[in-house]
Protein backbone atom coordinates (compact mmCIF):
# COMPACT_ATOMS: atom_id res chain seq x y z
CA MET A 1 6.25 15.35 -0.49
CA THR A 2 9.89 15.51 -1.52
CA ILE A 3 12.26 13.10 0.21
CA LEU A 4 15.68 14.33 1.27
CA ILE A 5 18.41 11.73 1.71
CA ASP A 6 21.71 12.90 3.18
CA GLN A 7 23.49 9.58 2.71
CA PRO A 8 23.31 7.07 -0.17
CA ALA A 9 20.08 5.12 0.18
CA PHE A 10 19.61 1.38 0.05
CA GLY A 11 19.92 0.30 -3.54
CA ILE A 12 21.90 3.39 -4.63
CA ASP A 13 25.64 3.85 -4.63
CA GLY A 14 27.41 7.14 -4.02
CA ASP A 15 27.14 8.13 -7.71
CA GLY A 16 23.40 7.57 -7.82
CA GLU A 17 23.65 4.35 -9.77
CA LYS A 18 21.63 1.25 -9.02
CA LYS A 19 23.55 -1.12 -6.79
CA TYR A 20 21.49 -3.78 -5.11
CA SER A 21 24.41 -6.00 -4.14
CA ASN A 22 28.02 -6.83 -4.88
CA ASN A 23 27.10 -10.49 -5.03
CA GLU A 24 25.85 -11.34 -8.53
CA ASN A 25 23.15 -13.57 -7.09
CA GLU A 26 21.93 -11.29 -4.31
CA GLY A 27 20.39 -8.64 -6.56
CA ASN A 28 18.21 -10.99 -8.57
CA LEU A 29 14.48 -10.83 -7.91
CA SER A 30 14.02 -14.50 -7.24
CA LEU A 31 12.54 -16.52 -4.44
CA GLU A 32 13.72 -20.03 -3.79
CA GLY A 33 11.48 -22.60 -2.22
CA GLY A 34 8.26 -20.61 -2.61
CA PHE A 35 6.14 -19.02 0.10
CA VAL A 36 4.52 -20.47 3.17
CA VAL A 37 1.66 -18.19 4.17
CA PRO A 38 1.54 -17.97 7.98
CA ASP A 39 -1.48 -17.83 10.26
CA ALA A 40 0.16 -15.00 12.16
CA ASN A 41 2.37 -12.09 11.23
CA ALA A 42 6.13 -11.89 11.69
CA PHE A 43 5.67 -10.93 15.34
CA GLY A 44 3.42 -13.82 16.35
CA HIS A 45 0.13 -11.90 16.26
CA THR A 46 -3.01 -13.07 14.51
CA PHE A 47 -4.28 -10.41 12.18
CA ARG A 48 -7.19 -8.92 10.22
CA ASP A 49 -10.01 -10.58 12.12
CA TYR A 50 -12.91 -8.21 11.48
CA ASN A 51 -15.43 -10.48 13.18
CA ALA A 52 -13.71 -10.95 16.54
CA GLU A 53 -15.24 -9.08 19.44
CA SER A 54 -13.14 -6.10 20.45
CA GLU A 55 -13.52 -2.50 21.51
CA ARG A 56 -12.30 -1.38 18.11
CA GLN A 57 -14.73 -3.33 15.92
CA LYS A 58 -17.53 -0.76 15.87
CA GLY A 59 -15.14 2.04 15.03
CA VAL A 60 -13.53 -0.04 12.29
CA GLU A 61 -16.90 -0.78 10.70
CA ASN A 62 -17.89 2.88 10.81
CA PHE A 63 -14.58 3.70 9.15
CA TYR A 64 -15.29 1.33 6.27
CA ARG A 65 -18.80 2.68 5.86
CA SER A 66 -17.39 6.15 5.13
CA ASN A 67 -14.58 4.73 3.03
CA HIS A 68 -16.84 2.69 0.78
CA ILE A 69 -19.36 5.48 0.28
CA HIS A 70 -16.87 8.21 -0.65
CA GLN A 71 -14.15 6.42 -2.65
CA THR A 72 -15.34 7.15 -6.20
CA VAL A 73 -13.65 7.58 -9.57
CA ASP A 74 -14.08 11.36 -9.39
CA PHE A 75 -12.64 11.53 -5.88
CA VAL A 76 -9.60 9.40 -6.76
CA ILE A 77 -8.84 11.49 -9.86
CA LYS A 78 -9.09 14.67 -7.79
CA MET A 79 -6.74 13.35 -5.09
CA ARG A 80 -4.17 12.05 -7.57
CA GLU A 81 -4.11 15.41 -9.31
CA GLU A 82 -3.72 17.35 -6.06
CA TYR A 83 -1.20 15.11 -4.30
CA GLY A 84 0.66 14.22 -7.48
CA LYS A 85 2.15 17.73 -7.42
CA LEU A 86 4.30 16.63 -4.45
CA ASP A 87 4.30 20.19 -3.15
CA LYS A 88 3.15 19.69 0.45
CA VAL A 89 6.36 19.26 2.45
CA GLU A 90 10.06 18.58 1.94
CA MET A 91 11.63 16.33 4.56
CA GLY A 92 13.92 13.40 5.20
CA ILE A 93 12.77 9.81 5.64
CA TRP A 94 13.53 9.63 9.37
CA GLU A 95 11.65 12.85 10.01
CA CYS A 96 8.70 11.39 8.15
CA CYS A 97 8.95 8.14 10.13
CA GLU A 98 8.75 10.08 13.39
CA LEU A 99 5.66 11.94 12.18
CA LEU A 100 3.83 8.63 11.84
CA ASN A 101 3.59 8.36 15.60
CA GLU A 102 1.01 11.14 15.39
CA VAL A 103 -1.23 8.96 13.19
CA ILE A 104 -3.64 6.36 14.58
CA ASP A 105 -4.91 3.87 12.01
CA GLU A 106 -8.66 3.62 12.64
CA SER A 107 -9.07 0.85 10.06
CA ASP A 108 -6.81 -1.73 11.71
CA PRO A 109 -8.52 -4.10 14.16
CA ASP A 110 -5.19 -5.48 15.39
CA LEU A 111 -2.31 -3.02 15.36
CA ASP A 112 -1.85 -1.17 18.64
CA GLU A 113 1.89 -0.51 18.55
CA PRO A 114 3.41 2.87 17.56
CA GLN A 115 3.58 3.33 13.80
CA ILE A 116 7.34 3.86 13.76
CA GLU A 117 7.79 0.64 15.73
CA HIS A 118 5.68 -1.16 13.16
CA LEU A 119 7.92 0.12 10.35
CA LEU A 120 11.14 -0.85 12.08
CA GLN A 121 9.88 -4.29 13.10
CA THR A 122 8.63 -4.97 9.58
CA ALA A 123 11.93 -3.92 8.02
CA GLU A 124 13.93 -5.98 10.53
CA ALA A 125 11.76 -9.07 10.02
CA ILE A 126 12.23 -8.78 6.25
CA ARG A 127 15.98 -8.21 6.66
CA LYS A 128 16.25 -11.34 8.77
CA ASP A 129 14.41 -13.53 6.27
CA TYR A 130 15.84 -11.94 3.09
CA PRO A 131 19.27 -10.55 4.12
CA ASN A 132 20.54 -10.13 0.57
CA GLN A 133 17.61 -8.12 -0.77
CA ASP A 134 18.44 -4.64 0.54
CA TRP A 135 15.81 -3.00 -1.68
CA LEU A 136 13.19 -5.08 0.12
CA HIS A 137 14.39 -3.86 3.53
CA LEU A 138 13.92 -0.27 2.38
CA THR A 139 10.51 -1.07 0.90
CA ALA A 140 9.42 -2.49 4.27
CA LEU A 141 10.64 0.61 6.09
CA ILE A 142 8.83 3.14 3.91
CA HIS A 143 5.70 1.24 2.83
CA ASP A 144 3.39 3.05 5.31
CA LEU A 145 4.95 6.52 5.27
CA GLY A 146 2.10 7.83 3.13
CA LYS A 147 -0.13 7.85 6.20
CA VAL A 148 1.23 11.30 6.97
CA ILE A 149 -1.42 12.75 4.62
CA ASN A 150 -3.72 12.50 7.64
CA LEU A 151 -1.67 15.26 9.33
CA PRO A 152 -2.35 19.04 9.01
CA ILE A 153 0.88 19.84 7.14
CA PHE A 154 -0.16 17.35 4.45
CA GLY A 155 -3.77 18.46 4.14
CA SER A 156 -5.52 16.72 7.06
CA LEU A 157 -7.25 14.15 4.90
CA PRO A 158 -9.86 12.12 6.80
CA GLN A 159 -8.94 8.60 7.86
CA TRP A 160 -11.16 7.03 5.19
CA ALA A 161 -8.98 8.73 2.54
CA VAL A 162 -5.71 7.63 4.14
CA VAL A 163 -5.81 4.09 5.54
CA GLY A 164 -7.78 0.87 5.16
CA ASP A 165 -8.00 -1.81 2.49
CA THR A 166 -7.69 -0.49 -1.06
CA PHE A 167 -9.61 -1.60 -4.13
CA PRO A 168 -10.11 -0.58 -7.78
CA VAL A 169 -12.65 2.08 -8.63
CA GLY A 170 -14.22 2.25 -12.07
CA CYS A 171 -15.36 -1.38 -12.02
CA ALA A 172 -17.53 -3.61 -9.86
CA PHE A 173 -16.60 -3.80 -6.17
CA ASP A 174 -15.66 -7.41 -5.43
CA GLU A 175 -17.57 -9.10 -2.63
CA SER A 176 -14.32 -10.13 -0.92
CA ILE A 177 -13.68 -6.51 0.10
CA VAL A 178 -14.20 -6.09 3.84
CA HIS A 179 -17.65 -4.65 4.74
CA HIS A 180 -18.69 -4.84 1.10
CA LYS A 181 -22.32 -4.07 2.00
CA TYR A 182 -21.62 -0.34 2.29
CA PHE A 183 -20.78 -0.02 -1.40
CA THR A 184 -24.50 0.08 -2.16
CA LYS A 185 -24.39 3.74 -1.12
CA ASN A 186 -21.41 4.57 -3.32
CA PRO A 187 -22.58 6.66 -6.34
CA ASP A 188 -20.37 4.65 -8.71
CA SER A 189 -22.29 1.48 -7.92
CA GLN A 190 -25.26 3.01 -9.74
CA ASN A 191 -23.23 3.99 -12.80
CA PRO A 192 -23.51 1.36 -15.61
CA ALA A 193 -20.03 2.31 -16.84
CA TYR A 194 -18.49 1.41 -13.49
CA ASN A 195 -20.46 -1.53 -12.10
CA THR A 196 -19.44 -4.36 -14.44
CA LYS A 197 -16.58 -6.82 -13.95
CA HIS A 198 -14.20 -4.91 -16.22
CA GLY A 199 -15.81 -1.49 -15.95
CA ILE A 200 -13.61 1.08 -17.69
CA TYR A 201 -10.69 -1.35 -18.00
CA LYS A 202 -9.63 -4.09 -20.40
CA GLU A 203 -8.72 -7.70 -19.70
CA ALA A 204 -5.11 -8.03 -18.48
CA CYS A 205 -4.55 -4.28 -18.86
CA GLY A 206 -2.14 -4.24 -15.89
CA LEU A 207 -2.76 -2.79 -12.46
CA ASP A 208 -0.76 0.32 -13.34
CA LYS A 209 -3.67 1.22 -15.63
CA VAL A 210 -6.21 0.80 -12.83
CA LEU A 211 -7.41 3.60 -10.53
CA MET A 212 -7.13 2.43 -6.94
CA SER A 213 -9.08 3.88 -4.01
CA TRP A 214 -7.10 6.84 -2.68
CA GLY A 215 -4.91 6.47 0.39
CA HIS A 216 -1.41 6.25 1.79
CA ASP A 217 -0.40 3.43 -0.56
CA ASP A 218 -0.97 5.36 -3.76
CA TYR A 219 0.50 8.54 -2.28
CA MET A 220 3.76 6.88 -1.23
CA TYR A 221 3.96 5.22 -4.64
CA MET A 222 3.68 8.65 -6.27
CA VAL A 223 6.29 10.08 -3.89
CA ALA A 224 8.73 7.29 -4.73
CA LYS A 225 8.18 7.70 -8.47
CA GLY A 226 8.36 11.49 -8.25
CA ASN A 227 11.68 11.30 -6.40
CA LYS A 228 13.10 9.00 -9.08
CA THR A 229 13.50 6.00 -6.82
CA THR A 230 15.78 3.18 -7.91
CA LEU A 231 13.59 0.60 -6.21
CA PRO A 232 12.77 -2.23 -8.62
CA SER A 233 9.30 -2.79 -9.99
CA ALA A 234 8.54 -5.27 -7.20
CA GLY A 235 9.28 -2.62 -4.56
CA LEU A 236 6.94 -0.08 -6.13
CA PHE A 237 4.29 -2.77 -6.57
CA THR A 238 4.53 -3.66 -2.88
CA ILE A 239 4.22 -0.04 -1.80
CA ARG A 240 1.18 0.61 -3.99
CA TYR A 241 -0.74 -2.63 -3.41
CA HIS A 242 0.14 -3.83 0.11
CA SER A 243 -3.37 -2.84 1.28
CA PHE A 244 -5.07 -4.42 -1.75
CA TYR A 245 -6.19 -7.47 0.22
CA ALA A 246 -8.98 -8.42 -2.18
CA MET A 247 -6.24 -9.16 -4.71
CA HIS A 248 -3.34 -10.61 -2.70
CA LYS A 249 -5.39 -12.41 -0.05
CA SER A 250 -8.65 -13.34 -1.80
CA GLY A 251 -7.43 -13.63 -5.40
CA ALA A 252 -9.89 -11.07 -6.78
CA TYR A 253 -9.26 -8.83 -9.80
CA GLN A 254 -6.79 -11.23 -11.40
CA HIS A 255 -8.47 -10.50 -14.74
CA LEU A 256 -6.92 -7.02 -14.63
CA MET A 257 -3.37 -8.20 -13.90
CA ASN A 258 -0.63 -8.60 -16.51
CA GLU A 259 2.45 -10.82 -16.39
CA GLU A 260 4.57 -8.26 -14.52
CA ASP A 261 1.87 -7.93 -11.84
CA ILE A 262 1.74 -11.69 -11.40
CA ASP A 263 5.51 -11.86 -11.03
CA ASN A 264 5.62 -8.97 -8.54
CA LEU A 265 2.83 -10.52 -6.49
CA LYS A 266 5.30 -13.11 -5.14
CA TRP A 267 7.12 -10.34 -3.29
CA LEU A 268 3.99 -8.66 -2.04
CA GLN A 269 2.96 -11.90 -0.38
CA ILE A 270 5.73 -11.31 2.17
CA PHE A 271 3.77 -8.37 3.57
CA LYS A 272 0.43 -10.20 3.96
């Protein structure tokens, strides 16, 4: 996908130069006072309870069964090669936002509001709490746009290849990953090269060197990079890893992170 922007975007001035703020302190990637992790999201809802009884639980579990069986190293490489061409559609951000209302996230046990409403509420909540970080407002608005790869004009990928929690492939699947039991049927779990703690990676190699399960996160990250975004490293990190709950919620895979990942993680915590 190629993004068309008719007006200067957040974080870019009219000449295409980076411009996060006129205030010398507003553009710095710093957080004062640390984070307080809430028990509910910014809208007062509890979230990510995969054990609570609901009409959606069975469907969610079936989703993760397919996801965990089919997300392999070979599949991820194939998807990154195909979608990395960015040759599916050319459209503006708002047009893409509107398309999201045609996508229903089968992996989410909680979210029942329209996708575009979710994007706008997330961006507004972030703007309210961090008014001087305009790049973060934009990150919040676009972080889920990659879900459009579920639609026919983007290839009609199945839900298990679009949404849901993400995780590294090419190394052992951590037990903190939701519905971990279904990984026993994933071909990679039987491959000695892939089923150790480090697998094909090295200690502290950096998450940018790690293949993540394919989905909307990685696609939108590739779209942003391919369109030469001026978002800072923390913005790209948030887009790519906001569904990587095993890492930012359970603390798994820290042995693969480098110093930049650890620093960027502070910003990703906002989206938990």
